[in-house]
Amino acid sequence: MNILCAGLNHRTAHLDVRERFAVHENEMEGLLGRLRAIEGVSGAVMLSTCNRVELYASSLCPMRALEGFRSILAERAGLEAPLYYHATPQAVRHLFRVASGLDSMVIGETEILGQVKKAYSVAADAGAATRPLHKLFQHAFRVAKSVRTETQITSGPTSIGSVAVELAGKIFGSLEDRRVMILGAGEISERTARSLQSRGVRSVIVSNRTYERAAQLAAEIGGMALHFDHWEKSFADIDILISSTNAPHAILTPEKLAPLLKLRRGAPLFVIDLAVPRDADPAINEMEGVFLYDIDSLEQIAAQSLDIRRQEVVRCESLIEQHVGGFISWMRSIHAPESHASRRTA
């Protein structure tokens, strides 16, 4: 049995490409079923975030699994996926690095661990995770904990949300008198809202398709909730718009913003788009007074706070290598009795 990892991420594919392959939560169970139907694939876990789409599979024939995965992605997206590919032990090493935040756009980021846990949970609930995958992901969670507690890899801004807030601070100098609107109330939005709160923003408006979730988050941070159909009503008074919804298409378009911008009387608007697929049409960056930043454009800001974390990477890699060895030893041990038995039969 082999462990396969195949996918694309922020290093191998631009945001324009990544958003074409993004998998929404309501699609995941059906996609896992299709992946397990590939000949030779016994188990599958699918990870889809703003920066990556990856398959982890247990398979007797990794190359057949890879081609099946490539075919399914191409059919969904309408173009060939620029996939990287790893098999045991490289696939194990790759997952451990991903879960530990070493393969992220923001090195040492902590959001990815929660996303990996969610991906594993969805696969387990769907009956798609085999024994080797259960063991692999549980081991990955221990590795991530060890890396966090034994190194300083999480020093400084370590999430997309915190980098977005760092950017807002650079733009305005102080955030204390600024008004911020957040579209979407998911995990990234929540972390961003809490970072804004810690920087003392004057007011935060939260708008979400599920109003109850917006109200809950707004109450937790001392903000105000708006029904999603009404967010435009407060548009004229905000300085920063941070968007992270699960909309399948852009919700911030030139056509949508043009009449709203007239109400602002020339006041600049900074839009930080954290969604994949993107919430903001890139064309709004050409509109007078609008300044747009998306996931990829945050990478440069993130790079400025990496010095300490870069020094810790060597320690992290050493810890991960020890755990890779431990997991490979476990895989060999579960197959050893079968090998001995086959030799006795022969």
C-alpha atoms as a PDB file:
ATOM      1  CA  MET A   1       0.000   0.000   0.000  1.00  0.00           C
ATOM      2  CA  ASN A   2       1.275   3.454  -0.934  1.00  0.00           C
ATOM      3  CA  ILE A   3       0.363   6.940   0.242  1.00  0.00           C
ATOM      4  CA  LEU A   4      -0.180   9.335  -2.647  1.00  0.00           C
ATOM      5  CA  CYS A   5      -0.315  13.123  -2.528  1.00  0.00           C
ATOM      6  CA  ALA A   6      -1.148  15.160  -5.617  1.00  0.00           C
ATOM      7  CA  GLY A   7      -2.267  18.747  -5.944  1.00  0.00           C
ATOM      8  CA  LEU A   8      -1.564  22.367  -6.775  1.00  0.00           C
ATOM      9  CA  ASN A   9      -0.803  25.314  -4.510  1.00  0.00           C
ATOM     10  CA  HIS A  10       0.222  28.967  -4.418  1.00  0.00           C
ATOM     11  CA  ARG A  11       3.731  28.067  -5.604  1.00  0.00           C
ATOM     12  CA  THR A  12       2.636  26.115  -8.674  1.00  0.00           C
ATOM     13  CA  ALA A  13      -0.555  27.904  -9.735  1.00  0.00           C
ATOM     14  CA  HIS A  14      -1.657  31.535  -9.812  1.00  0.00           C
ATOM     15  CA  LEU A  15      -4.875  32.535  -8.053  1.00  0.00           C
ATOM     16  CA  ASP A  16      -6.628  32.656 -11.454  1.00  0.00           C
ATOM     17  CA  VAL A  17      -5.970  28.920 -11.752  1.00  0.00           C
ATOM     18  CA  ARG A  18      -6.459  27.908  -8.097  1.00  0.00           C
ATOM     19  CA  GLU A  19      -9.950  29.357  -7.920  1.00  0.00           C
ATOM     20  CA  ARG A  20     -10.976  27.206 -10.915  1.00  0.00           C
ATOM     21  CA  PHE A  21     -10.125  24.052  -8.968  1.00  0.00           C
ATOM     22  CA  ALA A  22     -11.443  25.076  -5.526  1.00  0.00           C
ATOM     23  CA  VAL A  23     -13.868  22.553  -3.993  1.00  0.00           C
ATOM     24  CA  HIS A  24     -16.769  23.788  -1.883  1.00  0.00           C
ATOM     25  CA  GLU A  25     -17.743  21.925   1.271  1.00  0.00           C
ATOM     26  CA  ASN A  26     -21.085  20.796  -0.180  1.00  0.00           C
ATOM     27  CA  GLU A  27     -19.241  19.127  -3.086  1.00  0.00           C
ATOM     28  CA  MET A  28     -16.708  17.273  -0.990  1.00  0.00           C
ATOM     29  CA  GLU A  29     -18.552  14.053  -0.156  1.00  0.00           C
ATOM     30  CA  GLY A  30     -19.528  13.450  -3.777  1.00  0.00           C
ATOM     31  CA  LEU A  31     -15.976  14.132  -4.943  1.00  0.00           C
ATOM     32  CA  LEU A  32     -14.546  11.729  -2.359  1.00  0.00           C
ATOM     33  CA  GLY A  33     -16.868   9.047  -3.734  1.00  0.00           C
ATOM     34  CA  ARG A  34     -15.575   9.634  -7.254  1.00  0.00           C
ATOM     35  CA  LEU A  35     -11.968   9.512  -6.065  1.00  0.00           C
ATOM     36  CA  ARG A  36     -12.506   6.206  -4.265  1.00  0.00           C
ATOM     37  CA  ALA A  37     -14.018   4.791  -7.446  1.00  0.00           C
ATOM     38  CA  ILE A  38     -10.629   5.150  -9.192  1.00  0.00           C
ATOM     39  CA  GLU A  39      -9.166   1.685  -9.705  1.00  0.00           C
ATOM     40  CA  GLY A  40      -6.714   0.805  -6.940  1.00  0.00           C
ATOM     41  CA  VAL A  41      -7.722   3.673  -4.612  1.00  0.00           C
ATOM     42  CA  SER A  42      -8.930   2.403  -1.241  1.00  0.00           C
ATOM     43  CA  GLY A  43      -9.141   5.683   0.686  1.00  0.00           C
ATOM     44  CA  ALA A  44      -9.072   9.419   0.030  1.00  0.00           C
ATOM     45  CA  VAL A  45      -8.867  12.743   1.884  1.00  0.00           C
ATOM     46  CA  MET A  46      -9.351  15.976  -0.047  1.00  0.00           C
ATOM     47  CA  LEU A  47      -7.950  19.297   1.165  1.00  0.00           C
ATOM     48  CA  SER A  48      -9.183  22.517  -0.479  1.00  0.00           C
ATOM     49  CA  THR A  49      -8.140  25.929   0.885  1.00  0.00           C
ATOM     50  CA  CYS A  50      -7.457  29.364  -0.562  1.00  0.00           C
ATOM     51  CA  ASN A  51      -3.877  28.307  -1.294  1.00  0.00           C
ATOM     52  CA  ARG A  52      -4.114  24.634  -2.255  1.00  0.00           C
ATOM     53  CA  VAL A  53      -6.186  21.754  -3.588  1.00  0.00           C
ATOM     54  CA  GLU A  54      -4.685  18.386  -2.635  1.00  0.00           C
ATOM     55  CA  LEU A  55      -5.591  14.706  -2.649  1.00  0.00           C
ATOM     56  CA  TYR A  56      -4.160  12.271  -0.113  1.00  0.00           C
ATOM     57  CA  ALA A  57      -4.959   8.674  -1.049  1.00  0.00           C
ATOM     58  CA  SER A  58      -4.064   5.130  -0.074  1.00  0.00           C
ATOM     59  CA  SER A  59      -3.548   3.167  -3.281  1.00  0.00           C
ATOM     60  CA  LEU A  60      -1.984   0.021  -4.657  1.00  0.00           C
ATOM     61  CA  CYS A  61      -1.248   1.874  -7.906  1.00  0.00           C
ATOM     62  CA  PRO A  62      -0.279   5.511  -7.262  1.00  0.00           C
ATOM     63  CA  MET A  63       0.152   6.421 -10.948  1.00  0.00           C
ATOM     64  CA  ARG A  64      -3.341   5.178 -11.796  1.00  0.00           C
ATOM     65  CA  ALA A  65      -4.688   7.180  -8.860  1.00  0.00           C
ATOM     66  CA  LEU A  66      -2.818  10.256 -10.073  1.00  0.00           C
ATOM     67  CA  GLU A  67      -4.240  10.016 -13.592  1.00  0.00           C
ATOM     68  CA  GLY A  68      -7.744   9.474 -12.239  1.00  0.00           C
ATOM     69  CA  PHE A  69      -7.434  12.535 -10.014  1.00  0.00           C
ATOM     70  CA  ARG A  70      -6.051  14.610 -12.889  1.00  0.00           C
ATOM     71  CA  SER A  71      -8.965  13.541 -15.100  1.00  0.00           C
ATOM     72  CA  ILE A  72     -11.606  14.406 -12.478  1.00  0.00           C
ATOM     73  CA  LEU A  73     -10.108  17.846 -11.868  1.00  0.00           C
ATOM     74  CA  ALA A  74      -9.840  18.609 -15.576  1.00  0.00           C
ATOM     75  CA  GLU A  75     -13.484  17.623 -16.079  1.00  0.00           C
ATOM     76  CA  ARG A  76     -14.635  19.876 -13.197  1.00  0.00           C
ATOM     77  CA  ALA A  77     -12.525  22.912 -14.100  1.00  0.00           C
ATOM     78  CA  GLY A  78     -12.417  22.674 -17.876  1.00  0.00           C
ATOM     79  CA  LEU A  79      -8.610  22.800 -18.017  1.00  0.00           C
ATOM     80  CA  GLU A  80      -5.629  20.615 -17.225  1.00  0.00           C
ATOM     81  CA  ALA A  81      -4.444  20.858 -13.617  1.00  0.00           C
ATOM     82  CA  PRO A  82      -0.725  21.702 -13.073  1.00  0.00           C
ATOM     83  CA  LEU A  83      -0.326  18.945 -10.483  1.00  0.00           C
ATOM     84  CA  TYR A  84       2.675  18.068  -8.351  1.00  0.00           C
ATOM     85  CA  TYR A  85       2.912  14.493  -7.173  1.00  0.00           C
ATOM     86  CA  HIS A  86       4.453  12.694  -4.197  1.00  0.00           C
ATOM     87  CA  ALA A  87       4.438   9.047  -3.127  1.00  0.00           C
ATOM     88  CA  THR A  88       5.589   7.433   0.130  1.00  0.00           C
ATOM     89  CA  PRO A  89       7.673   8.710   1.937  1.00  0.00           C
ATOM     90  CA  GLN A  90       7.600  12.141   0.225  1.00  0.00           C
ATOM     91  CA  ALA A  91       3.794  12.278   0.501  1.00  0.00           C
ATOM     92  CA  VAL A  92       4.022  11.736   4.260  1.00  0.00           C
ATOM     93  CA  ARG A  93       6.666  14.444   4.578  1.00  0.00           C
ATOM     94  CA  HIS A  94       4.569  16.831   2.501  1.00  0.00           C
ATOM     95  CA  LEU A  95       1.470  16.438   4.701  1.00  0.00           C
ATOM     96  CA  PHE A  96       3.515  16.929   7.874  1.00  0.00           C
ATOM     97  CA  ARG A  97       4.966  20.142   6.417  1.00  0.00           C
ATOM     98  CA  VAL A  98       1.514  21.357   5.324  1.00  0.00           C
ATOM     99  CA  ALA A  99      -0.082  20.689   8.728  1.00  0.00           C
ATOM    100  CA  SER A 100       2.839  22.437  10.461  1.00  0.00           C
ATOM    101  CA  GLY A 101       2.510  25.584   8.325  1.00  0.00           C
ATOM    102  CA  LEU A 102       5.869  25.153   6.559  1.00  0.00           C
ATOM    103  CA  ASP A 103       4.325  24.891   3.098  1.00  0.00           C
ATOM    104  CA  SER A 104       2.045  27.911   3.539  1.00  0.00           C
ATOM    105  CA  MET A 105       2.205  31.329   1.915  1.00  0.00           C
ATOM    106  CA  VAL A 106       2.705  32.682   5.448  1.00  0.00           C
ATOM    107  CA  ILE A 107       5.302  30.337   6.957  1.00  0.00           C
ATOM    108  CA  GLY A 108       4.184  29.124  10.366  1.00  0.00           C
ATOM    109  CA  GLU A 109       0.516  30.067   9.842  1.00  0.00           C
ATOM    110  CA  THR A 110      -1.882  28.318  12.189  1.00  0.00           C
ATOM    111  CA  GLU A 111      -5.123  28.323  10.180  1.00  0.00           C
ATOM    112  CA  ILE A 112      -3.987  25.463   7.959  1.00  0.00           C
ATOM    113  CA  LEU A 113      -4.006  22.933  10.811  1.00  0.00           C
ATOM    114  CA  GLY A 114      -7.715  23.529  11.395  1.00  0.00           C
ATOM    115  CA  GLN A 115      -8.337  23.167   7.668  1.00  0.00           C
ATOM    116  CA  VAL A 116      -6.425  19.865   7.543  1.00  0.00           C
ATOM    117  CA  LYS A 117      -8.395  18.606  10.552  1.00  0.00           C
ATOM    118  CA  LYS A 118     -11.661  19.554   8.848  1.00  0.00           C
ATOM    119  CA  ALA A 119     -10.662  17.778   5.627  1.00  0.00           C
ATOM    120  CA  TYR A 120      -9.815  14.626   7.567  1.00  0.00           C
ATOM    121  CA  SER A 121     -13.060  14.821   9.557  1.00  0.00           C
ATOM    122  CA  VAL A 122     -15.155  15.114   6.386  1.00  0.00           C
ATOM    123  CA  ALA A 123     -13.398  12.096   4.840  1.00  0.00           C
ATOM    124  CA  ALA A 124     -13.745  10.064   8.046  1.00  0.00           C
ATOM    125  CA  ASP A 125     -17.464  10.879   8.340  1.00  0.00           C
ATOM    126  CA  ALA A 126     -17.957   9.876   4.713  1.00  0.00           C
ATOM    127  CA  GLY A 127     -16.188   6.543   5.303  1.00  0.00           C
ATOM    128  CA  ALA A 128     -13.456   7.517   2.836  1.00  0.00           C
ATOM    129  CA  ALA A 129     -10.458   7.302   5.202  1.00  0.00           C
ATOM    130  CA  THR A 130      -8.698   3.938   5.453  1.00  0.00           C
ATOM    131  CA  ARG A 131      -6.545   2.756   8.361  1.00  0.00           C
ATOM    132  CA  PRO A 132      -3.289   4.128   6.856  1.00  0.00           C
ATOM    133  CA  LEU A 133      -4.951   7.516   6.273  1.00  0.00           C
ATOM    134  CA  HIS A 134      -6.414   7.604   9.791  1.00  0.00           C
ATOM    135  CA  LYS A 135      -2.956   6.920  11.177  1.00  0.00           C
ATOM    136  CA  LEU A 136      -1.287   9.394   8.789  1.00  0.00           C
ATOM    137  CA  PHE A 137      -3.508  12.350   9.653  1.00  0.00           C
ATOM    138  CA  GLN A 138      -3.530  11.687  13.391  1.00  0.00           C
ATOM    139  CA  HIS A 139       0.260  11.575  13.239  1.00  0.00           C
ATOM    140  CA  ALA A 140       0.269  14.844  11.249  1.00  0.00           C
ATOM    141  CA  PHE A 141      -1.692  16.560  14.027  1.00  0.00           C
ATOM    142  CA  ARG A 142       0.902  15.443  16.588  1.00  0.00           C
ATOM    143  CA  VAL A 143       3.704  16.690  14.340  1.00  0.00           C
ATOM    144  CA  ALA A 144       2.066  20.120  14.013  1.00  0.00           C
ATOM    145  CA  LYS A 145       1.670  20.371  17.790  1.00  0.00           C
ATOM    146  CA  SER A 146       5.294  19.415  18.313  1.00  0.00           C
ATOM    147  CA  VAL A 147       6.513  21.987  15.770  1.00  0.00           C
ATOM    148  CA  ARG A 148       4.450  24.748  17.400  1.00  0.00           C
ATOM    149  CA  THR A 149       5.524  24.002  20.964  1.00  0.00           C
ATOM    150  CA  GLU A 150       9.201  23.220  20.356  1.00  0.00           C
ATOM    151  CA  THR A 151      10.077  26.039  17.925  1.00  0.00           C
ATOM    152  CA  GLN A 152       9.297  29.723  17.320  1.00  0.00           C
ATOM    153  CA  ILE A 153       7.809  29.113  13.878  1.00  0.00           C
ATOM    154  CA  THR A 154       4.586  30.910  14.860  1.00  0.00           C
ATOM    155  CA  SER A 155       6.290  34.185  15.832  1.00  0.00           C
ATOM    156  CA  GLY A 156       4.801  37.302  14.208  1.00  0.00           C
ATOM    157  CA  PRO A 157       1.722  37.464  11.933  1.00  0.00           C
ATOM    158  CA  THR A 158       0.950  33.834  11.109  1.00  0.00           C
ATOM    159  CA  SER A 159      -2.367  33.838   9.272  1.00  0.00           C
ATOM    160  CA  ILE A 160      -3.840  35.405   6.174  1.00  0.00           C
ATOM    161  CA  GLY A 161      -6.214  37.334   8.423  1.00  0.00           C
ATOM    162  CA  SER A 162      -3.449  38.774  10.589  1.00  0.00           C
ATOM    163  CA  VAL A 163      -1.441  39.719   7.485  1.00  0.00           C
ATOM    164  CA  ALA A 164      -4.525  41.483   6.095  1.00  0.00           C
ATOM    165  CA  VAL A 165      -4.772  43.476   9.332  1.00  0.00           C
ATOM    166  CA  GLU A 166      -1.032  44.191   9.162  1.00  0.00           C
ATOM    167  CA  LEU A 167      -1.602  45.577   5.655  1.00  0.00           C
ATOM    168  CA  ALA A 168      -4.481  47.752   6.839  1.00  0.00           C
ATOM    169  CA  GLY A 169      -2.213  49.118   9.576  1.00  0.00           C
ATOM    170  CA  LYS A 170       0.493  49.979   7.045  1.00  0.00           C
ATOM    171  CA  ILE A 171      -2.048  51.798   4.880  1.00  0.00           C
ATOM    172  CA  PHE A 172      -3.641  53.888   7.614  1.00  0.00           C
ATOM    173  CA  GLY A 173      -0.913  54.044  10.270  1.00  0.00           C
ATOM    174  CA  SER A 174      -3.480  53.689  13.053  1.00  0.00           C
ATOM    175  CA  LEU A 175      -6.703  51.702  12.849  1.00  0.00           C
ATOM    176  CA  GLU A 176      -8.331  53.224  15.917  1.00  0.00           C
ATOM    177  CA  ASP A 177     -10.581  55.627  13.969  1.00  0.00           C
ATOM    178  CA  ARG A 178     -11.269  53.340  11.028  1.00  0.00           C
ATOM    179  CA  ARG A 179     -14.487  51.620  10.088  1.00  0.00           C
ATOM    180  CA  VAL A 180     -14.279  48.103   8.690  1.00  0.00           C
ATOM    181  CA  MET A 181     -16.865  45.899   7.012  1.00  0.00           C
ATOM    182  CA  ILE A 182     -16.391  42.133   6.836  1.00  0.00           C
ATOM    183  CA  LEU A 183     -18.361  40.128   4.278  1.00  0.00           C
ATOM    184  CA  GLY A 184     -18.567  36.492   5.336  1.00  0.00           C
ATOM    185  CA  ALA A 185     -18.364  35.101   8.870  1.00  0.00           C
ATOM    186  CA  GLY A 186     -16.312  31.941   8.403  1.00  0.00           C
ATOM    187  CA  GLU A 187     -13.066  30.963  10.137  1.00  0.00           C
ATOM    188  CA  ILE A 188     -10.823  33.384   8.203  1.00  0.00           C
ATOM    189  CA  SER A 189     -13.272  36.241   8.752  1.00  0.00           C
ATOM    190  CA  GLU A 190     -13.457  35.463  12.462  1.00  0.00           C
ATOM    191  CA  ARG A 191      -9.680  35.499  12.866  1.00  0.00           C
ATOM    192  CA  THR A 192      -9.451  38.714  10.873  1.00  0.00           C
ATOM    193  CA  ALA A 193     -12.165  40.340  12.975  1.00  0.00           C
ATOM    194  CA  ARG A 194     -10.385  39.416  16.204  1.00  0.00           C
ATOM    195  CA  SER A 195      -7.094  40.795  14.862  1.00  0.00           C
ATOM    196  CA  LEU A 196      -8.858  44.037  13.976  1.00  0.00           C
ATOM    197  CA  GLN A 197     -10.367  44.184  17.453  1.00  0.00           C
ATOM    198  CA  SER A 198      -6.924  43.820  19.010  1.00  0.00           C
ATOM    199  CA  ARG A 199      -5.713  46.762  16.895  1.00  0.00           C
ATOM    200  CA  GLY A 200      -8.503  48.966  18.267  1.00  0.00           C
ATOM    201  CA  VAL A 201     -10.594  49.639  15.151  1.00  0.00           C
ATOM    202  CA  ARG A 202     -13.444  52.067  15.733  1.00  0.00           C
ATOM    203  CA  SER A 203     -16.194  49.822  14.409  1.00  0.00           C
ATOM    204  CA  VAL A 204     -16.584  46.480  12.636  1.00  0.00           C
ATOM    205  CA  ILE A 205     -19.663  45.599  10.616  1.00  0.00           C
ATOM    206  CA  VAL A 206     -20.206  41.895   9.897  1.00  0.00           C
ATOM    207  CA  SER A 207     -22.473  40.749   7.082  1.00  0.00           C
ATOM    208  CA  ASN A 208     -23.102  37.113   6.237  1.00  0.00           C
ATOM    209  CA  ARG A 209     -25.633  35.106   4.239  1.00  0.00           C
ATOM    210  CA  THR A 210     -26.640  33.419   7.505  1.00  0.00           C
ATOM    211  CA  TYR A 211     -27.566  36.394   9.649  1.00  0.00           C
ATOM    212  CA  GLU A 212     -27.409  34.435  12.932  1.00  0.00           C
ATOM    213  CA  ARG A 213     -23.728  33.690  12.340  1.00  0.00           C
ATOM    214  CA  ALA A 214     -23.022  37.370  11.568  1.00  0.00           C
ATOM    215  CA  ALA A 215     -24.846  38.403  14.758  1.00  0.00           C
ATOM    216  CA  GLN A 216     -22.893  35.883  16.832  1.00  0.00           C
ATOM    217  CA  LEU A 217     -19.503  37.055  15.538  1.00  0.00           C
ATOM    218  CA  ALA A 218     -20.477  40.729  15.847  1.00  0.00           C
ATOM    219  CA  ALA A 219     -21.532  40.187  19.463  1.00  0.00           C
ATOM    220  CA  GLU A 220     -18.234  38.480  20.281  1.00  0.00           C
ATOM    221  CA  ILE A 221     -16.138  41.381  18.970  1.00  0.00           C
ATOM    222  CA  GLY A 222     -18.419  44.249  19.912  1.00  0.00           C
ATOM    223  CA  GLY A 223     -19.411  44.964  16.320  1.00  0.00           C
ATOM    224  CA  MET A 224     -22.643  45.292  14.393  1.00  0.00           C
ATOM    225  CA  ALA A 225     -24.350  42.671  12.225  1.00  0.00           C
ATOM    226  CA  LEU A 226     -26.105  43.342   8.915  1.00  0.00           C
ATOM    227  CA  HIS A 227     -28.248  41.099   6.751  1.00  0.00           C
ATOM    228  CA  PHE A 228     -26.297  40.195   3.633  1.00  0.00           C
ATOM    229  CA  ASP A 229     -28.860  41.864   1.369  1.00  0.00           C
ATOM    230  CA  HIS A 230     -28.325  45.153   3.214  1.00  0.00           C
ATOM    231  CA  TRP A 231     -24.533  45.546   3.371  1.00  0.00           C
ATOM    232  CA  GLU A 232     -24.579  48.239   0.684  1.00  0.00           C
ATOM    233  CA  LYS A 233     -26.464  50.571   3.043  1.00  0.00           C
ATOM    234  CA  SER A 234     -23.353  51.071   5.201  1.00  0.00           C
ATOM    235  CA  PHE A 235     -20.931  51.141   2.283  1.00  0.00           C
ATOM    236  CA  ALA A 236     -20.534  54.927   2.219  1.00  0.00           C
ATOM    237  CA  ASP A 237     -19.139  55.081   5.767  1.00  0.00           C
ATOM    238  CA  ILE A 238     -16.445  52.361   5.737  1.00  0.00           C
ATOM    239  CA  ASP A 239     -12.708  52.663   5.112  1.00  0.00           C
ATOM    240  CA  ILE A 240     -11.826  48.986   4.638  1.00  0.00           C
ATOM    241  CA  LEU A 241     -13.843  46.139   3.123  1.00  0.00           C
ATOM    242  CA  ILE A 242     -12.580  42.626   3.890  1.00  0.00           C
ATOM    243  CA  SER A 243     -14.366  39.884   1.977  1.00  0.00           C
ATOM    244  CA  SER A 244     -14.215  36.127   2.537  1.00  0.00           C
ATOM    245  CA  THR A 245     -17.470  34.538   1.428  1.00  0.00           C
ATOM    246  CA  ASN A 246     -18.133  31.189  -0.243  1.00  0.00           C
ATOM    247  CA  ALA A 247     -19.812  32.790  -3.243  1.00  0.00           C
ATOM    248  CA  PRO A 248     -19.119  30.867  -6.482  1.00  0.00           C
ATOM    249  CA  HIS A 249     -18.665  34.125  -8.411  1.00  0.00           C
ATOM    250  CA  ALA A 250     -17.530  37.711  -7.810  1.00  0.00           C
ATOM    251  CA  ILE A 251     -19.883  39.785  -5.647  1.00  0.00           C
ATOM    252  CA  LEU A 252     -17.802  42.975  -5.826  1.00  0.00           C
ATOM    253  CA  THR A 253     -17.936  44.066  -9.453  1.00  0.00           C
ATOM    254  CA  PRO A 254     -17.582  47.440 -11.205  1.00  0.00           C
ATOM    255  CA  GLU A 255     -21.312  47.383 -11.948  1.00  0.00           C
ATOM    256  CA  LYS A 256     -22.114  46.777  -8.261  1.00  0.00           C
ATOM    257  CA  LEU A 257     -19.679  49.335  -6.864  1.00  0.00           C
ATOM    258  CA  ALA A 258     -20.104  52.193  -9.360  1.00  0.00           C
ATOM    259  CA  PRO A 259     -23.317  53.636  -7.869  1.00  0.00           C
ATOM    260  CA  LEU A 260     -22.093  52.996  -4.317  1.00  0.00           C
ATOM    261  CA  LEU A 261     -18.812  54.848  -4.863  1.00  0.00           C
ATOM    262  CA  LYS A 262     -20.722  58.016  -5.733  1.00  0.00           C
ATOM    263  CA  LEU A 263     -22.005  58.064  -2.150  1.00  0.00           C
ATOM    264  CA  ARG A 264     -18.433  58.109  -0.809  1.00  0.00           C
ATOM    265  CA  ARG A 265     -17.608  61.511  -2.350  1.00  0.00           C
ATOM    266  CA  GLY A 266     -14.076  60.512  -3.300  1.00  0.00           C
ATOM    267  CA  ALA A 267     -13.112  58.809  -0.014  1.00  0.00           C
ATOM    268  CA  PRO A 268     -10.639  55.959  -0.732  1.00  0.00           C
ATOM    269  CA  LEU A 269     -11.813  52.375  -0.245  1.00  0.00           C
ATOM    270  CA  PHE A 270      -9.377  49.551   0.505  1.00  0.00           C
ATOM    271  CA  VAL A 271     -10.694  46.107  -0.453  1.00  0.00           C
ATOM    272  CA  ILE A 272      -8.912  43.029   0.910  1.00  0.00           C
ATOM    273  CA  ASP A 273     -10.233  39.898  -0.817  1.00  0.00           C
ATOM    274  CA  LEU A 274      -9.445  36.719   1.138  1.00  0.00           C
ATOM    275  CA  ALA A 275     -11.820  34.446  -0.795  1.00  0.00           C
ATOM    276  CA  VAL A 276     -11.095  31.657  -3.276  1.00  0.00           C
ATOM    277  CA  PRO A 277     -12.836  31.815  -5.708  1.00  0.00           C
ATOM    278  CA  ARG A 278     -12.355  35.567  -5.476  1.00  0.00           C
ATOM    279  CA  ASP A 279     -15.152  37.800  -4.222  1.00  0.00           C
ATOM    280  CA  ALA A 280     -13.766  40.849  -6.021  1.00  0.00           C
ATOM    281  CA  ASP A 281     -13.522  41.265  -9.763  1.00  0.00           C
ATOM    282  CA  PRO A 282      -9.906  42.415 -10.443  1.00  0.00           C
ATOM    283  CA  ALA A 283     -11.385  45.183 -12.606  1.00  0.00           C
ATOM    284  CA  ILE A 284     -12.503  47.128  -9.512  1.00  0.00           C
ATOM    285  CA  ASN A 285      -8.847  47.977  -8.892  1.00  0.00           C
ATOM    286  CA  GLU A 286      -9.082  50.259 -11.929  1.00  0.00           C
ATOM    287  CA  MET A 287     -11.940  52.276 -10.406  1.00  0.00           C
ATOM    288  CA  GLU A 288     -11.197  55.718  -8.994  1.00  0.00           C
ATOM    289  CA  GLY A 289     -10.440  55.556  -5.264  1.00  0.00           C
ATOM    290  CA  VAL A 290     -10.512  51.740  -4.995  1.00  0.00           C
ATOM    291  CA  PHE A 291      -7.400  49.830  -3.920  1.00  0.00           C
ATOM    292  CA  LEU A 292      -7.686  46.027  -4.170  1.00  0.00           C
ATOM    293  CA  TYR A 293      -5.493  43.359  -2.543  1.00  0.00           C
ATOM    294  CA  ASP A 294      -6.120  39.634  -3.019  1.00  0.00           C
ATOM    295  CA  ILE A 295      -4.597  36.487  -1.499  1.00  0.00           C
ATOM    296  CA  ASP A 296      -1.543  36.491  -3.765  1.00  0.00           C
ATOM    297  CA  SER A 297      -0.795  40.177  -3.244  1.00  0.00           C
ATOM    298  CA  LEU A 298      -0.591  39.569   0.533  1.00  0.00           C
ATOM    299  CA  GLU A 299       2.459  37.343   0.053  1.00  0.00           C
ATOM    300  CA  GLN A 300       4.841  40.300  -0.236  1.00  0.00           C
ATOM    301  CA  ILE A 301       3.577  41.776   3.048  1.00  0.00           C
ATOM    302  CA  ALA A 302       3.907  38.389   4.732  1.00  0.00           C
ATOM    303  CA  ALA A 303       7.520  38.034   3.554  1.00  0.00           C
ATOM    304  CA  GLN A 304       8.593  41.093   5.540  1.00  0.00           C
ATOM    305  CA  SER A 305       8.009  39.369   8.896  1.00  0.00           C
ATOM    306  CA  LEU A 306       9.657  36.048   8.086  1.00  0.00           C
ATOM    307  CA  ASP A 307      13.190  36.505   9.446  1.00  0.00           C
ATOM    308  CA  ILE A 308      12.659  34.823  12.817  1.00  0.00           C
ATOM    309  CA  ARG A 309      10.533  32.057  11.357  1.00  0.00           C
ATOM    310  CA  ARG A 310      13.046  31.319   8.599  1.00  0.00           C
ATOM    311  CA  GLN A 311      15.675  30.685  11.274  1.00  0.00           C
ATOM    312  CA  GLU A 312      13.338  28.123  12.841  1.00  0.00           C
ATOM    313  CA  VAL A 313      12.612  26.209   9.637  1.00  0.00           C
ATOM    314  CA  VAL A 314      15.715  24.000   9.962  1.00  0.00           C
ATOM    315  CA  ARG A 315      14.619  22.910  13.456  1.00  0.00           C
ATOM    316  CA  CYS A 316      11.109  22.246  12.176  1.00  0.00           C
ATOM    317  CA  GLU A 317      12.368  20.170   9.244  1.00  0.00           C
ATOM    318  CA  SER A 318      14.486  18.080  11.610  1.00  0.00           C
ATOM    319  CA  LEU A 319      11.481  17.366  13.844  1.00  0.00           C
ATOM    320  CA  ILE A 320       9.361  16.467  10.833  1.00  0.00           C
ATOM    321  CA  GLU A 321      12.025  14.114   9.493  1.00  0.00           C
ATOM    322  CA  GLN A 322      12.007  12.199  12.781  1.00  0.00           C
ATOM    323  CA  HIS A 323       8.241  11.806  12.572  1.00  0.00           C
ATOM    324  CA  VAL A 324       8.388  10.719   8.918  1.00  0.00           C
ATOM    325  CA  GLY A 325      10.747   7.939   9.947  1.00  0.00           C
ATOM    326  CA  GLY A 326       8.381   6.895  12.709  1.00  0.00           C
ATOM    327  CA  PHE A 327       5.379   6.725  10.394  1.00  0.00           C
ATOM    328  CA  ILE A 328       7.256   4.773   7.696  1.00  0.00           C
ATOM    329  CA  SER A 329       8.345   2.275  10.361  1.00  0.00           C
ATOM    330  CA  TRP A 330       4.693   1.843  11.349  1.00  0.00           C
ATOM    331  CA  MET A 331       3.675   1.228   7.720  1.00  0.00           C
ATOM    332  CA  ARG A 332       6.356  -1.427   7.349  1.00  0.00           C
ATOM    333  CA  SER A 333       5.275  -3.106  10.584  1.00  0.00           C
ATOM    334  CA  ILE A 334       1.640  -3.560   9.491  1.00  0.00           C
ATOM    335  CA  HIS A 335       2.758  -5.272   6.287  1.00  0.00           C
ATOM    336  CA  ALA A 336       5.506  -7.373   7.889  1.00  0.00           C
ATOM    337  CA  PRO A 337       3.240 -10.226   9.122  1.00  0.00           C
ATOM    338  CA  GLU A 338       1.749 -10.586   5.645  1.00  0.00           C
ATOM    339  CA  SER A 339       5.244 -10.857   4.142  1.00  0.00           C
ATOM    340  CA  HIS A 340       6.324 -13.509   6.677  1.00  0.00           C
ATOM    341  CA  ALA A 341       3.120 -15.462   6.108  1.00  0.00           C
ATOM    342  CA  SER A 342       3.544 -15.442   2.352  1.00  0.00           C
ATOM    343  CA  ARG A 343       7.123 -16.726   2.655  1.00  0.00           C
ATOM    344  CA  ARG A 344       5.990 -19.600   4.927  1.00  0.00           C
ATOM    345  CA  THR A 345       3.244 -20.535   2.455  1.00  0.00           C
ATOM    346  CA  ALA A 346       5.687 -20.505  -0.418  1.00  0.00           C
END
